[in-house]
PDB file of N, CA and C in Angstrom:
ATOM      1  N   MET A   1       0.832  -1.167   0.000  1.00  0.00           N
ATOM      2  CA  MET A   1       0.000   0.000   0.000  1.00  0.00           C
ATOM      3  C   MET A   1       0.883   1.239   0.000  1.00  0.00           C
ATOM      4  N   PRO A   2       0.567   2.244  -0.789  1.00  0.00           N
ATOM      5  CA  PRO A   2       1.382   3.464  -0.789  1.00  0.00           C
ATOM      6  C   PRO A   2       1.249   4.195   0.535  1.00  0.00           C
ATOM      7  N   GLY A   3       2.353   4.787   0.957  1.00  0.00           N
ATOM      8  CA  GLY A   3       2.358   5.561   2.192  1.00  0.00           C
ATOM      9  C   GLY A   3       2.542   4.721   3.446  1.00  0.00           C
ATOM     10  N   ARG A   4       2.601   3.404   3.296  1.00  0.00           N
ATOM     11  CA  ARG A   4       2.775   2.531   4.461  1.00  0.00           C
ATOM     12  C   ARG A   4       4.260   2.385   4.770  1.00  0.00           C
ATOM     13  N   GLU A   5       4.624   2.611   6.024  1.00  0.00           N
ATOM     14  CA  GLU A   5       6.030   2.502   6.414  1.00  0.00           C
ATOM     15  C   GLU A   5       6.387   1.034   6.628  1.00  0.00           C
ATOM     16  N   PRO A   6       7.608   0.646   6.232  1.00  0.00           N
ATOM     17  CA  PRO A   6       8.013  -0.753   6.471  1.00  0.00           C
ATOM     18  C   PRO A   6       8.144  -1.021   7.966  1.00  0.00           C
ATOM     19  N   GLU A   7       7.866  -2.273   8.319  1.00  0.00           N
ATOM     20  CA  GLU A   7       7.990  -2.656   9.735  1.00  0.00           C
ATOM     21  C   GLU A   7       9.462  -2.633  10.133  1.00  0.00           C
ATOM     22  N   PRO A   8       9.753  -2.153  11.333  1.00  0.00           N
ATOM     23  CA  PRO A   8      11.164  -2.112  11.759  1.00  0.00           C
ATOM     24  C   PRO A   8      11.710  -3.526  11.944  1.00  0.00           C
ATOM     25  N   GLU A   9      13.005  -3.655  11.686  1.00  0.00           N
ATOM     26  CA  GLU A   9      13.683  -4.940  11.894  1.00  0.00           C
ATOM     27  C   GLU A   9      13.704  -5.247  13.387  1.00  0.00           C
ATOM     28  N   PRO A  10      13.488  -6.516  13.765  1.00  0.00           N
ATOM     29  CA  PRO A  10      13.587  -6.845  15.204  1.00  0.00           C
ATOM     30  C   PRO A  10      15.030  -6.657  15.671  1.00  0.00           C
ATOM     31  N   GLU A  11      15.179  -6.178  16.897  1.00  0.00           N
ATOM     32  CA  GLU A  11      16.522  -5.970  17.434  1.00  0.00           C
ATOM     33  C   GLU A  11      17.147  -7.326  17.727  1.00  0.00           C
ATOM     34  N   PRO A  12      18.440  -7.475  17.405  1.00  0.00           N
ATOM     35  CA  PRO A  12      19.102  -8.760  17.701  1.00  0.00           C
ATOM     36  C   PRO A  12      19.194  -8.971  19.201  1.00  0.00           C
ATOM     37  N   GLU A  13      19.141 -10.251  19.581  1.00  0.00           N
ATOM     38  CA  GLU A  13      19.273 -10.567  21.004  1.00  0.00           C
ATOM     39  C   GLU A  13      20.698 -10.290  21.441  1.00  0.00           C
ATOM     40  N   PRO A  14      20.883  -9.775  22.646  1.00  0.00           N
ATOM     41  CA  PRO A  14      22.252  -9.497  23.109  1.00  0.00           C
ATOM     42  C   PRO A  14      23.036 -10.799  23.273  1.00  0.00           C
ATOM     43  N   GLU A  15      24.323 -10.711  23.008  1.00  0.00           N
ATOM     44  CA  GLU A  15      25.200 -11.870  23.206  1.00  0.00           C
ATOM     45  C   GLU A  15      25.289 -12.164  24.696  1.00  0.00           C
ATOM     46  N   PRO A  16      25.265 -13.459  25.081  1.00  0.00           N
ATOM     47  CA  PRO A  16      25.410 -13.762  26.505  1.00  0.00           C
ATOM     48  C   PRO A  16      26.807 -13.382  26.989  1.00  0.00           C
ATOM     49  N   ALA A  17      26.881 -12.964  28.228  1.00  0.00           N
ATOM     50  CA  ALA A  17      28.180 -12.617  28.807  1.00  0.00           C
ATOM     51  C   ALA A  17      29.035 -13.876  28.878  1.00  0.00           C
ATOM     52  N   PRO A  18      30.349 -13.735  28.682  1.00  0.00           N
ATOM     53  CA  PRO A  18      31.197 -14.920  28.763  1.00  0.00           C
ATOM     54  C   PRO A  18      31.106 -15.543  30.151  1.00  0.00           C
ATOM     55  N   ALA A  19      31.020 -16.844  30.176  1.00  0.00           N
ATOM     56  CA  ALA A  19      30.894 -17.553  31.450  1.00  0.00           C
ATOM     57  C   ALA A  19      32.225 -17.536  32.196  1.00  0.00           C
ATOM     58  N   GLU A  20      32.125 -17.433  33.496  1.00  0.00           N
ATOM     59  CA  GLU A  20      33.324 -17.514  34.318  1.00  0.00           C
ATOM     60  C   GLU A  20      33.774 -18.968  34.341  1.00  0.00           C
ATOM     61  N   GLN A  21      35.060 -19.171  34.484  1.00  0.00           N
ATOM     62  CA  GLN A  21      35.599 -20.522  34.515  1.00  0.00           C
ATOM     63  C   GLN A  21      35.150 -21.228  35.792  1.00  0.00           C
ATOM     64  N   VAL A  22      34.749 -22.470  35.655  1.00  0.00           N
ATOM     65  CA  VAL A  22      34.339 -23.274  36.808  1.00  0.00           C
ATOM     66  C   VAL A  22      35.590 -23.714  37.550  1.00  0.00           C
ATOM     67  N   SER A  23      35.569 -23.573  38.866  1.00  0.00           N
ATOM     68  CA  SER A  23      36.707 -23.966  39.701  1.00  0.00           C
ATOM     69  C   SER A  23      36.275 -25.055  40.669  1.00  0.00           C
ATOM     70  N   LEU A  24      37.130 -26.046  40.846  1.00  0.00           N
ATOM     71  CA  LEU A  24      36.898 -27.115  41.802  1.00  0.00           C
ATOM     72  C   LEU A  24      37.731 -26.815  43.035  1.00  0.00           C
ATOM     73  N   LEU A  25      37.058 -26.708  44.187  1.00  0.00           N
ATOM     74  CA  LEU A  25      37.740 -26.369  45.430  1.00  0.00           C
ATOM     75  C   LEU A  25      37.489 -27.452  46.471  1.00  0.00           C
ATOM     76  N   GLU A  26      38.441 -27.653  47.334  1.00  0.00           N
ATOM     77  CA  GLU A  26      38.281 -28.607  48.440  1.00  0.00           C
ATOM     78  C   GLU A  26      38.391 -27.844  49.744  1.00  0.00           C
ATOM     79  N   ASP A  27      37.422 -28.064  50.657  1.00  0.00           N
ATOM     80  CA  ASP A  27      37.477 -27.355  51.933  1.00  0.00           C
ATOM     81  C   ASP A  27      38.324 -28.133  52.941  1.00  0.00           C
ATOM     82  N   ASP A  28      38.425 -27.601  54.151  1.00  0.00           N
ATOM     83  CA  ASP A  28      39.269 -28.208  55.182  1.00  0.00           C
ATOM     84  C   ASP A  28      38.819 -29.601  55.587  1.00  0.00           C
ATOM     85  N   GLU A  29      37.554 -29.915  55.334  1.00  0.00           N
ATOM     86  CA  GLU A  29      37.024 -31.229  55.713  1.00  0.00           C
ATOM     87  C   GLU A  29      37.015 -32.203  54.533  1.00  0.00           C
ATOM     88  N   GLY A  30      37.640 -31.832  53.426  1.00  0.00           N
ATOM     89  CA  GLY A  30      37.746 -32.730  52.279  1.00  0.00           C
ATOM     90  C   GLY A  30      36.535 -32.714  51.355  1.00  0.00           C
ATOM     91  N   ARG A  31      35.585 -31.822  51.580  1.00  0.00           N
ATOM     92  CA  ARG A  31      34.406 -31.730  50.712  1.00  0.00           C
ATOM     93  C   ARG A  31      34.748 -30.916  49.475  1.00  0.00           C
ATOM     94  N   MET A  32      34.214 -31.324  48.347  1.00  0.00           N
ATOM     95  CA  MET A  32      34.473 -30.643  47.092  1.00  0.00           C
ATOM     96  C   MET A  32      33.372 -29.632  46.809  1.00  0.00           C
ATOM     97  N   HIS A  33      33.751 -28.467  46.275  1.00  0.00           N
ATOM     98  CA  HIS A  33      32.818 -27.403  45.927  1.00  0.00           C
ATOM     99  C   HIS A  33      33.157 -26.901  44.529  1.00  0.00           C
ATOM    100  N   LEU A  34      32.128 -26.580  43.766  1.00  0.00           N
ATOM    101  CA  LEU A  34      32.316 -26.028  42.428  1.00  0.00           C
ATOM    102  C   LEU A  34      31.916 -24.557  42.439  1.00  0.00           C
ATOM    103  N   ARG A  35      32.839 -23.693  42.051  1.00  0.00           N
ATOM    104  CA  ARG A  35      32.562 -22.256  41.979  1.00  0.00           C
ATOM    105  C   ARG A  35      32.209 -21.912  40.528  1.00  0.00           C
ATOM    106  N   ASN A  36      31.259 -20.985  40.346  1.00  0.00           N
ATOM    107  CA  ASN A  36      30.792 -20.524  39.032  1.00  0.00           C
ATOM    108  C   ASN A  36      30.040 -21.603  38.263  1.00  0.00           C
ATOM    109  N   LEU A  37      29.330 -22.441  38.979  1.00  0.00           N
ATOM    110  CA  LEU A  37      28.504 -23.468  38.357  1.00  0.00           C
ATOM    111  C   LEU A  37      27.069 -23.234  38.814  1.00  0.00           C
ATOM    112  N   SER A  38      26.122 -23.382  37.907  1.00  0.00           N
ATOM    113  CA  SER A  38      24.730 -23.176  38.294  1.00  0.00           C
ATOM    114  C   SER A  38      23.885 -24.356  37.831  1.00  0.00           C
ATOM    115  N   ALA A  39      22.764 -24.533  38.480  1.00  0.00           N
ATOM    116  CA  ALA A  39      21.783 -25.548  38.091  1.00  0.00           C
ATOM    117  C   ALA A  39      20.541 -24.807  37.616  1.00  0.00           C
ATOM    118  N   GLN A  40      20.001 -25.219  36.496  1.00  0.00           N
ATOM    119  CA  GLN A  40      18.841 -24.561  35.908  1.00  0.00           C
ATOM    120  C   GLN A  40      17.695 -25.554  35.802  1.00  0.00           C
ATOM    121  N   LEU A  41      16.482 -25.101  36.068  1.00  0.00           N
ATOM    122  CA  LEU A  41      15.296 -25.933  35.947  1.00  0.00           C
ATOM    123  C   LEU A  41      14.593 -25.599  34.640  1.00  0.00           C
ATOM    124  N   ALA A  42      14.367 -26.600  33.819  1.00  0.00           N
ATOM    125  CA  ALA A  42      13.637 -26.395  32.565  1.00  0.00           C
ATOM    126  C   ALA A  42      12.225 -26.927  32.765  1.00  0.00           C
ATOM    127  N   ARG A  43      11.242 -26.063  32.598  1.00  0.00           N
ATOM    128  CA  ARG A  43       9.848 -26.464  32.793  1.00  0.00           C
ATOM    129  C   ARG A  43       9.195 -26.945  31.500  1.00  0.00           C
ATOM    130  N   THR A  44       9.825 -26.637  30.369  1.00  0.00           N
ATOM    131  CA  THR A  44       9.262 -27.070  29.084  1.00  0.00           C
ATOM    132  C   THR A  44      10.382 -27.649  28.225  1.00  0.00           C
ATOM    133  N   GLU A  45       9.980 -28.334  27.172  1.00  0.00           N
ATOM    134  CA  GLU A  45      10.958 -28.881  26.234  1.00  0.00           C
ATOM    135  C   GLU A  45      11.766 -27.759  25.592  1.00  0.00           C
ATOM    136  N   GLU A  46      11.097 -26.654  25.267  1.00  0.00           N
ATOM    137  CA  GLU A  46      11.790 -25.516  24.642  1.00  0.00           C
ATOM    138  C   GLU A  46      12.848 -24.941  25.581  1.00  0.00           C
ATOM    139  N   GLU A  47      12.504 -24.795  26.869  1.00  0.00           N
ATOM    140  CA  GLU A  47      13.482 -24.289  27.840  1.00  0.00           C
ATOM    141  C   GLU A  47      14.673 -25.238  27.943  1.00  0.00           C
ATOM    142  N   ALA A  48      14.398 -26.544  27.952  1.00  0.00           N
ATOM    143  CA  ALA A  48      15.482 -27.534  28.045  1.00  0.00           C
ATOM    144  C   ALA A  48      16.398 -27.439  26.833  1.00  0.00           C
ATOM    145  N   LEU A  49      15.828 -27.322  25.643  1.00  0.00           N
ATOM    146  CA  LEU A  49      16.641 -27.215  24.439  1.00  0.00           C
ATOM    147  C   LEU A  49      17.458 -25.925  24.439  1.00  0.00           C
ATOM    148  N   ASN A  50      16.852 -24.830  24.902  1.00  0.00           N
ATOM    149  CA  ASN A  50      17.591 -23.565  24.991  1.00  0.00           C
ATOM    150  C   ASN A  50      18.764 -23.680  25.967  1.00  0.00           C
ATOM    151  N   LEU A  51      18.546 -24.363  27.091  1.00  0.00           N
ATOM    152  CA  LEU A  51      19.628 -24.543  28.057  1.00  0.00           C
ATOM    153  C   LEU A  51      20.730 -25.438  27.496  1.00  0.00           C
ATOM    154  N   LEU A  52      20.344 -26.480  26.761  1.00  0.00           N
ATOM    155  CA  LEU A  52      21.348 -27.339  26.134  1.00  0.00           C
ATOM    156  C   LEU A  52      22.175 -26.548  25.127  1.00  0.00           C
ATOM    157  N   PHE A  53      21.507 -25.728  24.328  1.00  0.00           N
ATOM    158  CA  PHE A  53      22.215 -24.911  23.348  1.00  0.00           C
ATOM    159  C   PHE A  53      23.145 -23.927  24.050  1.00  0.00           C
ATOM    160  N   LEU A  54      22.670 -23.280  25.104  1.00  0.00           N
ATOM    161  CA  LEU A  54      23.490 -22.334  25.848  1.00  0.00           C
ATOM    162  C   LEU A  54      24.707 -23.031  26.456  1.00  0.00           C
ATOM    163  N   GLY A  55      24.494 -24.204  27.024  1.00  0.00           N
ATOM    164  CA  GLY A  55      25.613 -24.960  27.602  1.00  0.00           C
ATOM    165  C   GLY A  55      26.633 -25.353  26.555  1.00  0.00           C
ATOM    166  N   ASP A  56      26.163 -25.772  25.389  1.00  0.00           N
ATOM    167  CA  ASP A  56      27.076 -26.155  24.322  1.00  0.00           C
ATOM    168  C   ASP A  56      27.851 -24.940  23.824  1.00  0.00           C
ATOM    169  N   THR A  57      27.183 -23.792  23.767  1.00  0.00           N
ATOM    170  CA  THR A  57      27.836 -22.555  23.329  1.00  0.00           C
ATOM    171  C   THR A  57      28.907 -22.122  24.327  1.00  0.00           C
ATOM    172  N   ASN A  58      28.650 -22.287  25.606  1.00  0.00           N
ATOM    173  CA  ASN A  58      29.583 -21.842  26.649  1.00  0.00           C
ATOM    174  C   ASN A  58      30.664 -22.865  26.972  1.00  0.00           C
ATOM    175  N   ARG A  59      30.550 -24.067  26.418  1.00  0.00           N
ATOM    176  CA  ARG A  59      31.495 -25.124  26.755  1.00  0.00           C
ATOM    177  C   ARG A  59      32.885 -24.787  26.227  1.00  0.00           C
ATOM    178  N   VAL A  60      33.877 -25.049  27.039  1.00  0.00           N
ATOM    179  CA  VAL A  60      35.262 -24.827  26.650  1.00  0.00           C
ATOM    180  C   VAL A  60      35.985 -26.155  26.771  1.00  0.00           C
ATOM    181  N   ILE A  61      36.714 -26.491  25.740  1.00  0.00           N
ATOM    182  CA  ILE A  61      37.505 -27.720  25.761  1.00  0.00           C
ATOM    183  C   ILE A  61      38.962 -27.306  25.720  1.00  0.00           C
ATOM    184  N   SER A  62      39.743 -27.783  26.679  1.00  0.00           N
ATOM    185  CA  SER A  62      41.160 -27.429  26.706  1.00  0.00           C
ATOM    186  C   SER A  62      41.962 -28.572  27.302  1.00  0.00           C
ATOM    187  N   GLU A  63      43.254 -28.505  27.079  1.00  0.00           N
ATOM    188  CA  GLU A  63      44.147 -29.524  27.593  1.00  0.00           C
ATOM    189  C   GLU A  63      44.379 -29.299  29.078  1.00  0.00           C
ATOM    190  N   THR A  64      44.508 -30.371  29.804  1.00  0.00           N
ATOM    191  CA  THR A  64      44.807 -30.285  31.236  1.00  0.00           C
ATOM    192  C   THR A  64      46.104 -31.040  31.504  1.00  0.00           C
ATOM    193  N   PRO A  65      46.725 -30.807  32.661  1.00  0.00           N
ATOM    194  CA  PRO A  65      47.948 -31.560  32.978  1.00  0.00           C
ATOM    195  C   PRO A  65      47.709 -33.072  32.944  1.00  0.00           C
ATOM    196  N   MET A  66      46.512 -33.522  33.304  1.00  0.00           N
ATOM    197  CA  MET A  66      46.217 -34.952  33.287  1.00  0.00           C
ATOM    198  C   MET A  66      46.227 -35.486  31.857  1.00  0.00           C
ATOM    199  N   ASN A  67      45.780 -34.689  30.871  1.00  0.00           N
ATOM    200  CA  ASN A  67      45.812 -35.132  29.480  1.00  0.00           C
ATOM    201  C   ASN A  67      47.231 -35.459  29.049  1.00  0.00           C
ATOM    202  N   GLN A  68      48.182 -34.640  29.451  1.00  0.00           N
ATOM    203  CA  GLN A  68      49.565 -34.850  29.055  1.00  0.00           C
ATOM    204  C   GLN A  68      50.143 -36.086  29.720  1.00  0.00           C
ATOM    205  N   ALA A  69      49.716 -36.379  30.941  1.00  0.00           N
ATOM    206  CA  ALA A  69      50.261 -37.510  31.689  1.00  0.00           C
ATOM    207  C   ALA A  69      49.687 -38.844  31.226  1.00  0.00           C
ATOM    208  N   SER A  70      48.503 -38.839  30.631  1.00  0.00           N
ATOM    209  CA  SER A  70      47.865 -40.102  30.247  1.00  0.00           C
ATOM    210  C   SER A  70      47.845 -40.240  28.726  1.00  0.00           C
ATOM    211  N   ASN A  71      48.956 -40.579  28.165  1.00  0.00           N
ATOM    212  CA  ASN A  71      49.071 -40.774  26.732  1.00  0.00           C
ATOM    213  C   ASN A  71      48.495 -42.141  26.381  1.00  0.00           C
ATOM    214  N   PRO A  72      47.492 -42.205  25.486  1.00  0.00           N
ATOM    215  CA  PRO A  72      46.913 -43.511  25.149  1.00  0.00           C
ATOM    216  C   PRO A  72      47.851 -44.378  24.329  1.00  0.00           C
ATOM    217  N   ASN A  73      48.902 -43.811  23.755  1.00  0.00           N
ATOM    218  CA  ASN A  73      49.847 -44.573  22.956  1.00  0.00           C
ATOM    219  C   ASN A  73      50.962 -45.068  23.872  1.00  0.00           C
ATOM    220  N   PRO A  74      51.067 -46.387  24.100  1.00  0.00           N
ATOM    221  CA  PRO A  74      52.104 -46.882  25.015  1.00  0.00           C
ATOM    222  C   PRO A  74      53.501 -46.740  24.423  1.00  0.00           C
ATOM    223  N   ASN A  75      53.608 -46.590  23.098  1.00  0.00           N
ATOM    224  CA  ASN A  75      54.903 -46.458  22.454  1.00  0.00           C
ATOM    225  C   ASN A  75      55.009 -45.050  21.865  1.00  0.00           C
ATOM    226  N   PRO A  76      55.689 -44.132  22.542  1.00  0.00           N
ATOM    227  CA  PRO A  76      55.741 -42.762  22.038  1.00  0.00           C
ATOM    228  C   PRO A  76      56.531 -42.618  20.742  1.00  0.00           C
ATOM    229  N   ASN A  77      57.347 -43.612  20.389  1.00  0.00           N
ATOM    230  CA  ASN A  77      58.136 -43.570  19.147  1.00  0.00           C
ATOM    231  C   ASN A  77      57.523 -44.567  18.170  1.00  0.00           C
ATOM    232  N   PRO A  78      56.720 -44.114  17.187  1.00  0.00           N
ATOM    233  CA  PRO A  78      56.030 -45.058  16.315  1.00  0.00           C
ATOM    234  C   PRO A  78      56.935 -45.801  15.337  1.00  0.00           C
ATOM    235  N   ASN A  79      58.151 -45.300  15.080  1.00  0.00           N
ATOM    236  CA  ASN A  79      59.058 -45.960  14.129  1.00  0.00           C
ATOM    237  C   ASN A  79      60.413 -46.251  14.766  1.00  0.00           C
ATOM    238  N   PRO A  80      60.436 -47.163  15.741  1.00  0.00           N
ATOM    239  CA  PRO A  80      61.737 -47.445  16.389  1.00  0.00           C
ATOM    240  C   PRO A  80      62.639 -48.206  15.425  1.00  0.00           C
ATOM    241  N   ASN A  81      63.921 -47.965  15.556  1.00  0.00           N
ATOM    242  CA  ASN A  81      64.898 -48.712  14.766  1.00  0.00           C
ATOM    243  C   ASN A  81      65.303 -49.951  15.546  1.00  0.00           C
ATOM    244  N   PRO A  82      65.103 -51.148  14.963  1.00  0.00           N
ATOM    245  CA  PRO A  82      65.452 -52.388  15.719  1.00  0.00           C
ATOM    246  C   PRO A  82      66.923 -52.581  15.871  1.00  0.00           C
TER     247      PRO A  82
END
Protein backbone atom coordinates (compact mmCIF):
# COMPACT_ATOMS: atom_id res chain seq x y z
CA MET A 1 0.00 0.00 0.00
CA PRO A 2 1.38 3.46 -0.79
CA GLY A 3 2.36 5.56 2.19
CA ARG A 4 2.77 2.53 4.46
CA GLU A 5 6.03 2.50 6.41
CA PRO A 6 8.01 -0.75 6.47
CA GLU A 7 7.99 -2.66 9.73
CA PRO A 8 11.16 -2.11 11.76
CA GLU A 9 13.68 -4.94 11.89
CA PRO A 10 13.59 -6.85 15.20
CA GLU A 11 16.52 -5.97 17.43
CA PRO A 12 19.10 -8.76 17.70
CA GLU A 13 19.27 -10.57 21.00
CA PRO A 14 22.25 -9.50 23.11
CA GLU A 15 25.20 -11.87 23.21
CA PRO A 16 25.41 -13.76 26.51
CA ALA A 17 28.18 -12.62 28.81
CA PRO A 18 31.20 -14.92 28.76
CA ALA A 19 30.89 -17.55 31.45
CA GLU A 20 33.32 -17.51 34.32
CA GLN A 21 35.60 -20.52 34.51
CA VAL A 22 34.34 -23.27 36.81
CA SER A 23 36.71 -23.97 39.70
CA LEU A 24 36.90 -27.11 41.80
CA LEU A 25 37.74 -26.37 45.43
CA GLU A 26 38.28 -28.61 48.44
CA ASP A 27 37.48 -27.35 51.93
CA ASP A 28 39.27 -28.21 55.18
CA GLU A 29 37.02 -31.23 55.71
CA GLY A 30 37.75 -32.73 52.28
CA ARG A 31 34.41 -31.73 50.71
CA MET A 32 34.47 -30.64 47.09
CA HIS A 33 32.82 -27.40 45.93
CA LEU A 34 32.32 -26.03 42.43
CA ARG A 35 32.56 -22.26 41.98
CA ASN A 36 30.79 -20.52 39.03
CA LEU A 37 28.50 -23.47 38.36
CA SER A 38 24.73 -23.18 38.29
CA ALA A 39 21.78 -25.55 38.09
CA GLN A 40 18.84 -24.56 35.91
CA LEU A 41 15.30 -25.93 35.95
CA ALA A 42 13.64 -26.39 32.57
CA ARG A 43 9.85 -26.46 32.79
CA THR A 44 9.26 -27.07 29.08
CA GLU A 45 10.96 -28.88 26.23
CA GLU A 46 11.79 -25.52 24.64
CA GLU A 47 13.48 -24.29 27.84
CA ALA A 48 15.48 -27.53 28.04
CA LEU A 49 16.64 -27.22 24.44
CA ASN A 50 17.59 -23.57 24.99
CA LEU A 51 19.63 -24.54 28.06
CA LEU A 52 21.35 -27.34 26.13
CA PHE A 53 22.21 -24.91 23.35
CA LEU A 54 23.49 -22.33 25.85
CA GLY A 55 25.61 -24.96 27.60
CA ASP A 56 27.08 -26.16 24.32
CA THR A 57 27.84 -22.55 23.33
CA ASN A 58 29.58 -21.84 26.65
CA ARG A 59 31.49 -25.12 26.76
CA VAL A 60 35.26 -24.83 26.65
CA ILE A 61 37.51 -27.72 25.76
CA SER A 62 41.16 -27.43 26.71
CA GLU A 63 44.15 -29.52 27.59
CA THR A 64 44.81 -30.28 31.24
CA PRO A 65 47.95 -31.56 32.98
CA MET A 66 46.22 -34.95 33.29
CA ASN A 67 45.81 -35.13 29.48
CA GLN A 68 49.57 -34.85 29.06
CA ALA A 69 50.26 -37.51 31.69
CA SER A 70 47.87 -40.10 30.25
CA ASN A 71 49.07 -40.77 26.73
CA PRO A 72 46.91 -43.51 25.15
CA ASN A 73 49.85 -44.57 22.96
CA PRO A 74 52.10 -46.88 25.01
CA ASN A 75 54.90 -46.46 22.45
CA PRO A 76 55.74 -42.76 22.04
CA ASN A 77 58.14 -43.57 19.15
CA PRO A 78 56.03 -45.06 16.31
CA ASN A 79 59.06 -45.96 14.13
CA PRO A 80 61.74 -47.44 16.39
CA ASN A 81 64.90 -48.71 14.77
CA PRO A 82 65.45 -52.39 15.72
